[in-house]
Amino acid sequence: MIEAYDIKKSYGSLLVLKGINFQAKAAEVLSIVGASGAGKSSLLQVLGSLSRPDSGRVIIDGTDIFALSSNALADFRNKKIGFVFQFHHLLPEFTALENVAIPALIANERMGEAKDRAKELLTFLGLGERLTHKPGELSGGEQQRVAIARALINRPSVLLADEPSGNLDTHTKKEIHKLFFDLREKYGQTIIIVTHDRELASMSDRCLEMKDGEFLL
């Protein structure tokens, strides 16, 4: 599902990715661990097309993503890649249902269909009674579930999560961890998780460790 070849990325004189090669299979849950500054988040941003590498190629579901035009890449990203971050980035003035539906509306899905899909996802994630609540009325774990539903609304092939449980208490963290595997079983996404949490990493199908911009062998 994902192939990356010789990915190099610098910020000024600092080389943060030193020729990364990487593959993830369809429906695989893969964790990337390592100390702060190892290059984990930088790699995730490249894999998700949020950051263009200095050199190398990324192929997702058969598409060489950085060979696309800017508009085509934005469309590909919206439809094929879902993102979950440590901070939820929900829009405070919109309800949970509306927050989840927004990416589908951007993809030109009809309002009714987008809201039906959002309701289905939120119900699956245990938020069927919270559809009309705004982010300020939700707990941290509930907000993260809304963010996950939003990431899934366009049925992406790939879900990328950057420290998805970093701000959650221990109980909620375990719920979110289990949720990723429930999602894989139901929707079949390839899920890549950047985390400091060794417990989450140990649950994954595969765990890779980064140090100084490279994977440890």
Protein backbone atom coordinates (compact mmCIF):
# COMPACT_ATOMS: atom_id res chain seq x y z
CA MET A 1 0.00 0.00 0.00
CA ILE A 2 2.85 2.41 0.81
CA GLU A 3 6.35 2.39 -0.66
CA ALA A 4 9.01 4.99 0.05
CA TYR A 5 12.44 5.00 -1.56
CA ASP A 6 15.55 6.91 -0.47
CA ILE A 7 13.63 9.71 1.27
CA LYS A 8 15.89 12.59 2.26
CA LYS A 9 14.71 15.75 3.98
CA SER A 10 16.62 18.72 5.37
CA TYR A 11 15.61 21.82 7.29
CA GLY A 12 18.37 24.31 6.57
CA SER A 13 21.66 22.57 7.27
CA LEU A 14 20.00 19.87 9.42
CA LEU A 15 19.46 16.56 7.62
CA VAL A 16 16.46 14.98 9.39
CA LEU A 17 15.74 12.04 7.04
CA LYS A 18 18.83 10.26 5.72
CA GLY A 19 17.69 8.10 2.82
CA ILE A 20 14.70 6.30 4.32
CA ASN A 21 13.31 3.19 2.61
CA PHE A 22 9.94 2.03 3.87
CA GLN A 23 7.03 -0.24 2.97
CA ALA A 24 3.66 -0.94 4.58
CA LYS A 25 1.21 -3.59 3.43
CA ALA A 26 -2.50 -3.14 2.90
CA ALA A 27 -4.43 -3.34 6.22
CA GLU A 28 -1.21 -3.39 8.26
CA VAL A 29 -1.01 -1.57 11.60
CA LEU A 30 2.55 -0.32 11.90
CA SER A 31 4.12 1.76 14.64
CA ILE A 32 7.18 4.00 14.39
CA VAL A 33 8.95 4.74 17.68
CA GLY A 34 12.05 6.65 18.70
CA ALA A 35 13.25 9.56 20.80
CA SER A 36 12.17 13.13 20.13
CA GLY A 37 14.10 14.48 17.15
CA ALA A 38 14.59 11.05 15.58
CA GLY A 39 12.66 12.08 12.46
CA LYS A 40 9.39 10.20 13.08
CA SER A 41 6.99 13.08 12.53
CA SER A 42 9.01 14.39 9.60
CA LEU A 43 8.72 11.01 7.92
CA LEU A 44 4.98 10.86 8.59
CA GLN A 45 4.51 14.29 7.04
CA VAL A 46 6.35 13.15 3.91
CA LEU A 47 4.36 9.91 3.69
CA GLY A 48 1.18 11.95 4.01
CA SER A 49 2.30 14.45 1.34
CA LEU A 50 2.18 17.35 3.82
CA SER A 51 5.91 17.88 3.30
CA ARG A 52 7.83 17.36 0.05
CA PRO A 53 11.14 15.47 0.40
CA ASP A 54 14.37 16.85 -1.01
CA SER A 55 14.76 13.58 -2.90
CA GLY A 56 13.16 10.16 -3.13
CA ARG A 57 9.75 8.77 -4.09
CA VAL A 58 6.56 7.89 -2.20
CA ILE A 59 4.06 5.54 -3.84
CA ILE A 60 0.63 5.08 -2.23
CA ASP A 61 -1.82 2.57 -3.66
CA GLY A 62 0.12 2.60 -6.94
CA THR A 63 0.35 6.41 -7.29
CA ASP A 64 3.68 8.23 -7.27
CA ILE A 65 2.30 11.08 -5.18
CA PHE A 66 5.01 13.71 -5.68
CA ALA A 67 4.74 13.32 -9.45
CA LEU A 68 1.22 14.75 -9.23
CA SER A 69 0.39 18.40 -9.83
CA SER A 70 -0.40 20.49 -6.74
CA ASN A 71 -4.15 20.30 -7.35
CA ALA A 72 -4.09 16.58 -8.09
CA LEU A 73 -1.99 15.95 -4.98
CA ALA A 74 -4.43 17.92 -2.80
CA ASP A 75 -7.33 15.88 -4.22
CA PHE A 76 -5.43 12.62 -3.68
CA ARG A 77 -4.62 13.59 -0.10
CA ASN A 78 -8.24 14.45 0.68
CA LYS A 79 -9.58 11.17 -0.68
CA LYS A 80 -6.83 8.65 0.05
CA ILE A 81 -5.10 9.76 3.28
CA GLY A 82 -6.60 10.36 6.71
CA PHE A 83 -4.70 12.22 9.44
CA VAL A 84 -5.01 12.03 13.24
CA PHE A 85 -2.82 14.33 15.33
CA GLN A 86 -2.05 14.69 19.03
CA PHE A 87 -4.07 17.90 19.06
CA HIS A 88 -7.53 17.42 17.64
CA HIS A 89 -7.80 20.60 15.52
CA LEU A 90 -11.59 20.48 15.65
CA LEU A 91 -13.50 23.60 14.66
CA PRO A 92 -15.04 24.88 17.93
CA GLU A 93 -18.12 26.48 16.36
CA PHE A 94 -19.27 23.25 14.67
CA THR A 95 -20.88 20.14 16.16
CA ALA A 96 -19.19 16.74 16.20
CA LEU A 97 -21.32 15.70 13.22
CA GLU A 98 -20.43 18.83 11.26
CA ASN A 99 -16.71 18.54 12.04
CA VAL A 100 -16.66 15.00 10.70
CA ALA A 101 -18.69 15.83 7.58
CA ILE A 102 -16.50 18.76 6.43
CA PRO A 103 -13.86 16.75 4.50
CA ALA A 104 -16.62 14.92 2.62
CA LEU A 105 -18.21 18.24 1.66
CA ILE A 106 -14.81 19.46 0.44
CA ALA A 107 -14.71 16.31 -1.72
CA ASN A 108 -18.07 17.41 -3.22
CA GLU A 109 -20.18 14.76 -1.49
CA ARG A 110 -23.81 15.76 -1.00
CA MET A 111 -24.70 17.19 2.40
CA GLY A 112 -27.16 14.43 3.24
CA GLU A 113 -24.75 11.66 2.28
CA ALA A 114 -21.88 13.31 4.16
CA LYS A 115 -23.93 13.64 7.35
CA ASP A 116 -25.22 10.05 7.07
CA ARG A 117 -21.66 8.78 6.75
CA ALA A 118 -20.50 11.00 9.63
CA LYS A 119 -23.32 9.68 11.83
CA GLU A 120 -22.40 6.08 10.97
CA LEU A 121 -18.76 6.64 11.91
CA LEU A 122 -19.48 8.52 15.11
CA THR A 123 -21.95 5.84 16.18
CA PHE A 124 -19.38 3.12 15.49
CA LEU A 125 -16.90 5.08 17.62
CA GLY A 126 -19.36 5.25 20.52
CA LEU A 127 -20.49 8.84 20.04
CA GLY A 128 -24.00 8.27 18.74
CA GLU A 129 -25.42 10.33 21.62
CA ARG A 130 -22.96 13.20 21.11
CA LEU A 131 -23.59 14.15 17.49
CA THR A 132 -24.82 17.66 18.22
CA HIS A 133 -22.24 18.48 20.89
CA LYS A 134 -19.50 21.00 20.09
CA PRO A 135 -15.85 20.23 20.92
CA GLY A 136 -15.95 22.28 24.13
CA GLU A 137 -18.70 19.98 25.41
CA LEU A 138 -16.68 16.80 24.80
CA SER A 139 -13.94 15.11 26.81
CA GLY A 140 -10.43 14.78 25.42
CA GLY A 141 -11.05 11.16 24.45
CA GLU A 142 -14.33 12.05 22.77
CA GLN A 143 -12.67 14.85 20.83
CA GLN A 144 -10.01 12.43 19.62
CA ARG A 145 -12.71 10.00 18.47
CA VAL A 146 -14.33 12.83 16.51
CA ALA A 147 -10.95 13.57 14.94
CA ILE A 148 -10.56 9.90 14.01
CA ALA A 149 -14.05 9.84 12.45
CA ARG A 150 -13.17 12.96 10.47
CA ALA A 151 -10.00 11.23 9.21
CA LEU A 152 -12.10 8.28 8.01
CA ILE A 153 -15.01 10.12 6.39
CA ASN A 154 -13.65 9.90 2.83
CA ARG A 155 -12.79 6.19 3.17
CA PRO A 156 -9.03 6.70 2.87
CA SER A 157 -6.69 3.84 2.00
CA VAL A 158 -4.17 5.06 4.59
CA LEU A 159 -4.61 6.45 8.10
CA LEU A 160 -1.62 8.31 9.57
CA ALA A 161 -1.58 9.06 13.30
CA ASP A 162 1.00 11.27 15.01
CA GLU A 163 1.06 10.74 18.81
CA PRO A 164 -2.73 10.14 18.78
CA SER A 165 -2.94 9.38 22.50
CA GLY A 166 -0.26 11.79 23.72
CA ASN A 167 -2.65 14.07 25.63
CA LEU A 168 -4.97 11.41 27.06
CA ASP A 169 -5.21 9.74 30.45
CA THR A 170 -4.21 6.10 30.82
CA HIS A 171 -7.74 4.63 30.55
CA THR A 172 -8.70 6.72 27.52
CA LYS A 173 -5.33 6.01 25.92
CA LYS A 174 -6.01 2.26 26.07
CA GLU A 175 -9.44 2.79 24.50
CA ILE A 176 -7.94 4.78 21.63
CA HIS A 177 -5.24 2.16 21.13
CA LYS A 178 -7.84 -0.62 20.83
CA LEU A 179 -9.89 1.54 18.52
CA PHE A 180 -7.22 1.56 15.81
CA PHE A 181 -7.34 -2.22 15.61
CA ASP A 182 -11.15 -2.22 15.57
CA LEU A 183 -10.97 0.23 12.66
CA ARG A 184 -8.56 -2.00 10.77
CA GLU A 185 -10.92 -4.95 11.18
CA LYS A 186 -13.99 -2.99 10.03
CA TYR A 187 -12.59 -0.70 7.33
CA GLY A 188 -9.30 -2.33 6.28
CA GLN A 189 -7.09 0.76 6.33
CA THR A 190 -3.34 0.67 6.45
CA ILE A 191 -2.56 2.48 9.71
CA ILE A 192 0.79 4.04 10.57
CA ILE A 193 1.21 5.36 14.08
CA VAL A 194 4.06 7.54 15.32
CA THR A 195 4.20 7.16 19.09
CA HIS A 196 6.34 7.31 22.20
CA ASP A 197 4.01 4.76 23.78
CA ARG A 198 5.73 1.38 23.78
CA GLU A 199 2.50 -0.35 24.83
CA LEU A 200 0.71 0.84 21.71
CA ALA A 201 3.73 -0.01 19.60
CA SER A 202 3.82 -3.55 20.98
CA MET A 203 0.19 -4.10 19.90
CA SER A 204 1.00 -3.31 16.27
CA ASP A 205 1.62 -5.87 13.55
CA ARG A 206 5.10 -4.40 13.17
CA CYS A 207 7.19 -1.81 14.99
CA LEU A 208 10.08 0.17 13.51
CA GLU A 209 12.47 2.32 15.54
CA MET A 210 14.08 5.50 14.26
CA LYS A 211 17.24 7.18 15.45
CA ASP A 212 18.93 10.23 13.91
CA GLY A 213 16.86 10.14 10.73
CA GLU A 214 17.27 6.44 10.01
CA PHE A 215 15.60 3.16 10.91
CA LEU A 216 17.54 0.93 13.28
CA LEU A 217 18.16 -2.53 11.88
